[in-house]
Amino acid sequence: MKINDFFSSSDLSLVTTISLFYPIDCVDRTDPSRIRFQFRRKEGLDQLIESFWRNELKISPLTYYNQLKLIKTRIYSKE
């Protein structure tokens, strides 16, 4: 696998949104001050990210909140 095969981010809101549509492939903890989540690049991922930054997505607030709790659990777990 090449580095271009993955998208990586530490932005909590972006990671939460992406994880609603794509599975988290890896949680990178090599930098102790910043956790990075990696997603395998698949068709539509770049468009989803662009839509996120353009504020074009419509997501249920409850669904987003529940996913955010799951992401935070992964951040604070020591795995």
Protein backbone atom coordinates (compact mmCIF):
# COMPACT_ATOMS: atom_id res chain seq x y z
CA MET A 1 0.00 0.00 0.00
CA LYS A 2 1.17 3.50 -0.82
CA ILE A 3 0.64 6.61 1.28
CA ASN A 4 -1.65 7.99 -1.46
CA ASP A 5 -3.98 5.05 -0.88
CA PHE A 6 -5.07 6.67 2.41
CA PHE A 7 -6.58 9.92 3.61
CA SER A 8 -5.46 11.03 7.06
CA SER A 9 -6.91 13.68 9.35
CA SER A 10 -6.91 14.77 12.96
CA ASP A 11 -9.89 17.11 12.53
CA LEU A 12 -12.52 15.64 14.86
CA SER A 13 -15.57 16.95 13.02
CA LEU A 14 -14.26 15.83 9.62
CA VAL A 15 -13.25 12.41 10.94
CA THR A 16 -16.65 11.95 12.54
CA THR A 17 -18.42 12.84 9.31
CA ILE A 18 -16.25 10.64 7.10
CA SER A 19 -16.64 7.70 9.50
CA LEU A 20 -20.39 7.81 8.97
CA PHE A 21 -19.76 6.74 5.36
CA TYR A 22 -16.36 5.01 5.36
CA PRO A 23 -14.72 2.76 7.96
CA ILE A 24 -11.69 3.99 9.86
CA ASP A 25 -8.76 1.96 8.59
CA CYS A 26 -6.20 2.92 11.22
CA VAL A 27 -5.71 5.18 14.24
CA ASP A 28 -2.19 6.62 14.13
CA ARG A 29 -0.83 7.43 17.60
CA THR A 30 2.81 7.99 16.63
CA ASP A 31 2.57 11.68 17.60
CA PRO A 32 1.60 11.73 21.32
CA SER A 33 0.05 15.19 21.01
CA ARG A 34 -2.16 14.41 17.99
CA ILE A 35 -4.09 11.33 16.93
CA ARG A 36 -4.62 10.90 13.20
CA PHE A 37 -7.37 8.77 11.71
CA GLN A 38 -6.74 7.10 8.38
CA PHE A 39 -9.29 6.13 5.78
CA ARG A 40 -8.60 3.99 2.73
CA ARG A 41 -9.20 6.07 -0.39
CA LYS A 42 -12.28 4.80 -2.17
CA GLU A 43 -14.54 6.23 -4.81
CA GLY A 44 -16.45 9.22 -3.48
CA LEU A 45 -14.22 9.98 -0.50
CA ASP A 46 -12.67 13.12 -1.97
CA GLN A 47 -16.12 14.38 -3.00
CA LEU A 48 -17.42 13.77 0.53
CA ILE A 49 -14.54 15.78 1.98
CA GLU A 50 -15.18 18.65 -0.45
CA SER A 51 -18.88 18.59 0.41
CA PHE A 52 -17.99 18.71 4.11
CA TRP A 53 -15.85 21.83 3.70
CA ARG A 54 -18.51 23.48 1.51
CA ASN A 55 -21.14 22.82 4.19
CA GLU A 56 -23.28 20.88 1.71
CA LEU A 57 -23.94 17.74 3.76
CA LYS A 58 -27.19 16.94 5.53
CA ILE A 59 -26.65 14.61 8.47
CA SER A 60 -28.97 13.82 11.35
CA PRO A 61 -27.69 15.58 14.49
CA LEU A 62 -28.39 12.50 16.62
CA THR A 63 -26.52 10.23 14.20
CA TYR A 64 -23.58 12.64 14.16
CA TYR A 65 -23.52 12.92 17.96
CA ASN A 66 -23.57 9.15 18.44
CA GLN A 67 -20.74 8.74 15.95
CA LEU A 68 -18.76 11.49 17.71
CA LYS A 69 -19.05 9.55 20.98
CA LEU A 70 -17.67 6.45 19.25
CA ILE A 71 -14.74 8.43 17.82
CA LYS A 72 -13.93 9.91 21.23
CA THR A 73 -13.98 6.43 22.71
CA ARG A 74 -11.36 5.38 20.16
CA ILE A 75 -9.27 8.45 21.01
CA TYR A 76 -9.22 7.77 24.73
CA SER A 77 -8.83 3.99 24.53
CA LYS A 78 -5.23 2.82 24.80
CA GLU A 79 -5.39 0.37 21.89
